[in-house]
Amino acid sequence: MIKPRAIFVLLLLIALWPGKGFAQFHISNEVGVLAGPAAFFTDYGERFNLRNNLDNEGFGVGLVHYMDFAYRAECTCKRREWFFSKHFRIRNEIDYFHSKLEHYGPVAQGNDESGRMLRAMHGKTALWQVGTSLEYHFYGIKEFRDFSVLFGPYISLGVQFVNYHPGAYSDLGPIDSPKVLFRTFQGGLNLESGNTFAIIGSGGFRYHYTRRSDIVIEGRWMYYDTDFIEGLSPVGLQNKFNDFAFWINIGYIYVLNF
């Protein structure tokens, strides 16, 4: 199994490497940190119930590394004006998410046996994610860096490897007992850790704070290639989607060389 800590160390070394190796490829580098709340759309509660989405809010933090090609790393000169080098960055990052999960919605609020089972069930999930995205900036990267514009909107698309760790327990007894587990989840409970992939779609903007630093605000959708991120996959026709999450983050980006 790929260890998230090893990936973290490798990515950090790559991101902070100031040597001439990047210069010969005309790549400039930026590093930053991101943090913010994350809403998990899982099989806890009703997926699109407002209270369920708000109260099952988790939190995420990330370390990010950017490579852009608008500058030569050994000088501040402008390289040949290619559309790709002007508007695109390659973004590498590692993220950590954690969330506690409860059942909300009309069924969970009922006074019958089903409602008591759902209210007594408590879950959590923790995820390590590492991957790469291609980021498109609507304004030229060099123009933004030279203060021609202060706000730089962007969109991105990428893929991440995900290592997830679900957990659950019930106040009524062993979670896998038919007398404790809600009938829809019987046969669909798997609390083993696992690996999967996620498709990442983001949109946001940068604010050019100083010559070498930016503030970034972003919203991101993460669609997972599994329905067991939180350990549940209901049995039945109502189970139409895999798990996904929405992360709103704010970050600080520092330019190493340009």
Protein backbone atom coordinates (compact mmCIF):
# COMPACT_ATOMS: atom_id res chain seq x y z
CA MET A 1 0.00 0.00 0.00
CA ILE A 2 1.27 3.48 -0.81
CA LYS A 3 1.97 5.31 2.45
CA PRO A 4 0.57 8.88 2.52
CA ARG A 5 3.48 10.12 4.65
CA ALA A 6 6.01 8.93 2.09
CA ILE A 7 4.07 10.67 -0.69
CA PHE A 8 3.92 13.82 1.43
CA VAL A 9 7.70 13.88 1.96
CA LEU A 10 8.39 13.24 -1.74
CA LEU A 11 6.03 15.99 -2.87
CA LEU A 12 7.49 18.41 -0.34
CA LEU A 13 11.05 17.75 -1.54
CA ILE A 14 10.02 18.27 -5.17
CA ALA A 15 8.12 21.44 -4.38
CA LEU A 16 10.94 23.03 -2.36
CA TRP A 17 13.81 22.00 -4.66
CA PRO A 18 15.54 25.29 -5.62
CA GLY A 19 18.28 23.85 -7.77
CA LYS A 20 19.08 24.44 -11.41
CA GLY A 21 17.30 21.31 -12.54
CA PHE A 22 14.04 23.20 -12.98
CA ALA A 23 15.79 26.15 -14.59
CA GLN A 24 17.03 24.14 -17.54
CA PHE A 25 13.41 23.17 -18.27
CA HIS A 26 12.25 26.80 -17.76
CA ILE A 27 9.82 25.82 -14.99
CA SER A 28 9.06 28.20 -12.15
CA ASN A 29 7.59 26.91 -8.89
CA GLU A 30 5.08 27.94 -6.28
CA VAL A 31 4.10 26.29 -3.01
CA GLY A 32 1.18 26.88 -0.72
CA VAL A 33 -1.24 25.66 1.91
CA LEU A 34 -5.03 25.30 1.69
CA ALA A 35 -7.67 24.81 4.38
CA GLY A 36 -11.43 24.94 4.70
CA PRO A 37 -14.72 23.11 5.34
CA ALA A 38 -15.75 20.10 3.25
CA ALA A 39 -19.30 18.78 2.80
CA PHE A 40 -19.51 15.01 2.23
CA PHE A 41 -22.41 13.67 0.16
CA THR A 42 -22.52 10.09 1.39
CA ASP A 43 -25.10 7.52 2.51
CA TYR A 44 -25.44 9.12 5.94
CA GLY A 45 -28.81 10.86 5.96
CA GLU A 46 -30.56 12.01 2.82
CA ARG A 47 -27.97 13.01 0.24
CA PHE A 48 -29.50 16.35 -0.74
CA ASN A 49 -31.09 17.22 2.60
CA LEU A 50 -29.84 20.70 3.59
CA ARG A 51 -29.36 19.94 7.29
CA ASN A 52 -27.63 16.68 6.47
CA ASN A 53 -25.13 18.44 4.20
CA LEU A 54 -24.46 21.27 6.65
CA ASP A 55 -24.25 19.27 9.88
CA ASN A 56 -22.11 16.51 8.32
CA GLU A 57 -19.50 19.09 7.41
CA GLY A 58 -15.89 18.01 7.71
CA PHE A 59 -12.59 19.82 7.31
CA GLY A 60 -9.69 19.58 4.88
CA VAL A 61 -6.11 20.84 4.66
CA GLY A 62 -3.72 20.60 1.74
CA LEU A 63 -0.16 21.22 0.62
CA VAL A 64 0.05 22.34 -3.00
CA HIS A 65 2.86 22.77 -5.53
CA TYR A 66 2.49 24.59 -8.85
CA MET A 67 4.66 24.48 -11.95
CA ASP A 68 4.20 27.20 -14.53
CA PHE A 69 6.01 28.00 -17.74
CA ALA A 70 5.40 31.72 -18.29
CA TYR A 71 8.82 32.69 -16.91
CA ARG A 72 12.32 31.39 -17.21
CA ALA A 73 13.32 30.34 -13.72
CA GLU A 74 16.82 31.86 -14.07
CA CYS A 75 15.54 35.34 -14.94
CA THR A 76 12.37 37.42 -15.04
CA CYS A 77 12.32 37.43 -18.82
CA LYS A 78 9.34 36.32 -20.79
CA ARG A 79 9.68 33.11 -22.76
CA ARG A 80 8.12 32.48 -26.15
CA GLU A 81 4.43 33.36 -26.11
CA TRP A 82 2.72 29.97 -26.27
CA PHE A 83 -0.93 29.68 -25.28
CA PHE A 84 -0.17 26.79 -22.93
CA SER A 85 2.67 28.57 -21.13
CA LYS A 86 0.61 31.75 -20.87
CA HIS A 87 -2.55 30.26 -19.37
CA PHE A 88 -1.82 26.84 -17.81
CA ARG A 89 -0.26 25.62 -14.58
CA ILE A 90 0.37 22.05 -13.48
CA ARG A 91 -0.79 21.56 -9.90
CA ASN A 92 0.43 18.78 -7.61
CA GLU A 93 -0.94 18.38 -4.10
CA ILE A 94 -1.63 16.21 -1.12
CA ASP A 95 -4.79 16.73 0.96
CA TYR A 96 -6.20 15.36 4.20
CA PHE A 97 -9.92 15.31 5.03
CA HIS A 98 -11.76 14.24 8.15
CA SER A 99 -15.48 14.26 8.94
CA LYS A 100 -17.86 12.92 11.57
CA LEU A 101 -21.12 11.65 10.10
CA GLU A 102 -24.66 11.37 11.45
CA HIS A 103 -28.05 10.46 9.98
CA TYR A 104 -30.47 13.34 9.43
CA GLY A 105 -33.75 13.56 7.56
CA PRO A 106 -37.39 12.49 7.98
CA VAL A 107 -36.67 8.75 8.40
CA ALA A 108 -33.98 9.34 11.04
CA GLN A 109 -36.28 11.69 12.96
CA GLY A 110 -39.08 9.14 13.19
CA ASN A 111 -40.10 7.53 16.49
CA ASP A 112 -40.22 4.03 15.03
CA GLU A 113 -37.53 1.36 15.09
CA SER A 114 -35.92 2.63 11.88
CA GLY A 115 -35.55 6.13 13.30
CA ARG A 116 -33.97 4.83 16.50
CA MET A 117 -31.49 2.70 14.53
CA LEU A 118 -30.41 5.60 12.39
CA ARG A 119 -30.08 8.10 15.27
CA ALA A 120 -28.03 5.57 17.25
CA MET A 121 -25.55 5.11 14.37
CA HIS A 122 -22.47 7.32 14.26
CA GLY A 123 -19.76 7.34 11.62
CA LYS A 124 -16.59 9.03 10.50
CA THR A 125 -14.17 8.98 7.63
CA ALA A 126 -10.60 10.16 7.06
CA LEU A 127 -8.99 10.48 3.63
CA TRP A 128 -5.51 11.08 2.26
CA GLN A 129 -5.51 12.27 -1.33
CA VAL A 130 -2.58 12.95 -3.67
CA GLY A 131 -2.63 13.81 -7.35
CA THR A 132 -2.23 16.23 -10.23
CA SER A 133 -4.49 18.75 -11.95
CA LEU A 134 -4.22 20.95 -15.00
CA GLU A 135 -5.21 24.50 -14.13
CA TYR A 136 -6.41 27.02 -16.73
CA HIS A 137 -6.13 30.75 -15.94
CA PHE A 138 -8.35 33.14 -17.86
CA TYR A 139 -5.77 35.94 -17.64
CA GLY A 140 -2.15 35.46 -18.63
CA ILE A 141 0.03 34.20 -15.78
CA LYS A 142 2.78 36.73 -16.49
CA GLU A 143 0.30 39.62 -16.69
CA PHE A 144 -1.14 38.58 -13.32
CA ARG A 145 2.31 38.31 -11.77
CA ASP A 146 3.22 41.78 -13.11
CA PHE A 147 0.13 43.35 -11.43
CA SER A 148 -1.68 44.00 -14.71
CA VAL A 149 -4.68 42.39 -12.94
CA LEU A 150 -5.18 41.76 -9.23
CA PHE A 151 -7.81 39.00 -9.46
CA GLY A 152 -7.07 35.93 -11.55
CA PRO A 153 -9.97 33.45 -12.04
CA TYR A 154 -9.20 29.85 -12.98
CA ILE A 155 -10.69 26.39 -13.44
CA SER A 156 -8.98 23.02 -13.17
CA LEU A 157 -9.51 19.32 -13.78
CA GLY A 158 -7.47 16.45 -12.39
CA VAL A 159 -7.28 13.06 -10.75
CA GLN A 160 -6.16 11.96 -7.27
CA PHE A 161 -5.24 8.70 -5.62
CA VAL A 162 -7.32 8.30 -2.44
CA ASN A 163 -6.60 6.29 0.71
CA TYR A 164 -9.73 6.23 2.91
CA HIS A 165 -10.42 5.06 6.47
CA PRO A 166 -14.11 4.73 7.41
CA GLY A 167 -15.48 3.93 10.85
CA ALA A 168 -18.88 3.47 12.53
CA TYR A 169 -20.51 2.34 15.76
CA SER A 170 -23.99 2.17 17.25
CA ASP A 171 -25.29 3.05 20.70
CA LEU A 172 -27.53 -0.02 20.47
CA GLY A 173 -24.80 -2.65 20.20
CA PRO A 174 -22.52 -4.28 17.57
CA ILE A 175 -22.87 -2.28 14.38
CA ASP A 176 -23.17 -5.34 12.12
CA SER A 177 -26.05 -6.91 14.08
CA PRO A 178 -29.37 -7.16 12.14
CA LYS A 179 -31.08 -5.85 15.28
CA VAL A 180 -28.88 -2.74 15.25
CA LEU A 181 -28.08 -1.94 11.62
CA PHE A 182 -30.77 -0.24 9.52
CA ARG A 183 -32.18 -2.74 7.01
CA THR A 184 -31.03 -0.78 3.93
CA PHE A 185 -27.40 -1.11 5.03
CA GLN A 186 -27.49 -4.84 5.78
CA GLY A 187 -25.18 -6.38 3.21
CA GLY A 188 -23.78 -2.94 2.38
CA LEU A 189 -21.48 -2.28 5.34
CA ASN A 190 -17.72 -2.33 4.82
CA LEU A 191 -15.53 -0.55 7.36
CA GLU A 192 -12.22 -1.73 5.91
CA SER A 193 -9.74 0.91 4.76
CA GLY A 194 -9.21 1.03 1.04
CA ASN A 195 -7.81 2.82 -1.99
CA THR A 196 -9.59 4.42 -4.91
CA PHE A 197 -9.38 7.36 -7.30
CA ALA A 198 -11.21 10.66 -7.45
CA ILE A 199 -12.01 13.01 -10.32
CA ILE A 200 -11.36 16.58 -9.22
CA GLY A 201 -13.01 19.69 -10.65
CA SER A 202 -12.20 23.13 -9.21
CA GLY A 203 -12.93 26.77 -9.78
CA GLY A 204 -11.72 29.86 -7.97
CA PHE A 205 -9.59 32.94 -8.16
CA ARG A 206 -6.27 34.29 -6.94
CA TYR A 207 -5.71 37.70 -5.40
CA HIS A 208 -2.23 39.06 -6.07
CA TYR A 209 -1.20 40.09 -2.56
CA THR A 210 2.50 40.86 -2.99
CA ARG A 211 5.12 40.33 -5.67
CA ARG A 212 5.77 36.79 -4.43
CA SER A 213 2.52 35.80 -2.73
CA ASP A 214 -1.13 35.23 -3.61
CA ILE A 215 -4.32 34.54 -1.69
CA VAL A 216 -6.54 31.89 -3.29
CA ILE A 217 -10.23 31.09 -2.72
CA GLU A 218 -11.57 27.94 -4.34
CA GLY A 219 -14.52 25.58 -4.56
CA ARG A 220 -13.86 21.96 -5.50
CA TRP A 221 -16.00 18.92 -6.40
CA MET A 222 -14.49 15.50 -5.72
CA TYR A 223 -16.21 12.44 -7.18
CA TYR A 224 -14.92 9.10 -5.84
CA ASP A 225 -14.76 5.84 -7.74
CA THR A 226 -16.37 3.99 -4.84
CA ASP A 227 -19.43 4.18 -2.61
CA PHE A 228 -17.55 3.07 0.52
CA ILE A 229 -15.70 6.27 1.47
CA GLU A 230 -17.74 6.26 4.70
CA GLY A 231 -18.20 2.47 4.80
CA LEU A 232 -21.83 2.35 3.62
CA SER A 233 -23.41 1.36 0.32
CA PRO A 234 -27.19 0.91 0.59
CA VAL A 235 -28.65 -2.16 -1.04
CA GLY A 236 -31.45 -1.23 -3.42
CA LEU A 237 -32.48 0.91 -6.36
CA GLN A 238 -32.19 4.09 -4.28
CA ASN A 239 -28.41 3.79 -4.35
CA LYS A 240 -27.71 5.71 -7.57
CA PHE A 241 -24.42 7.52 -6.89
CA ASN A 242 -20.95 6.96 -5.55
CA ASP A 243 -19.75 9.21 -2.75
CA PHE A 244 -18.63 12.74 -3.52
CA ALA A 245 -17.63 15.86 -1.62
CA PHE A 246 -17.49 19.62 -2.01
CA TRP A 247 -14.57 21.53 -0.49
CA ILE A 248 -14.39 25.30 -0.02
CA ASN A 249 -10.87 26.38 0.82
CA ILE A 250 -8.77 29.48 1.25
CA GLY A 251 -5.03 29.34 0.79
CA TYR A 252 -1.73 31.15 0.70
CA ILE A 253 0.63 30.69 -2.27
CA TYR A 254 4.31 31.67 -2.27
CA VAL A 255 6.38 32.00 -5.46
CA LEU A 256 9.79 30.33 -5.15
CA ASN A 257 11.30 31.52 -8.43
CA PHE A 258 10.13 33.40 -11.53
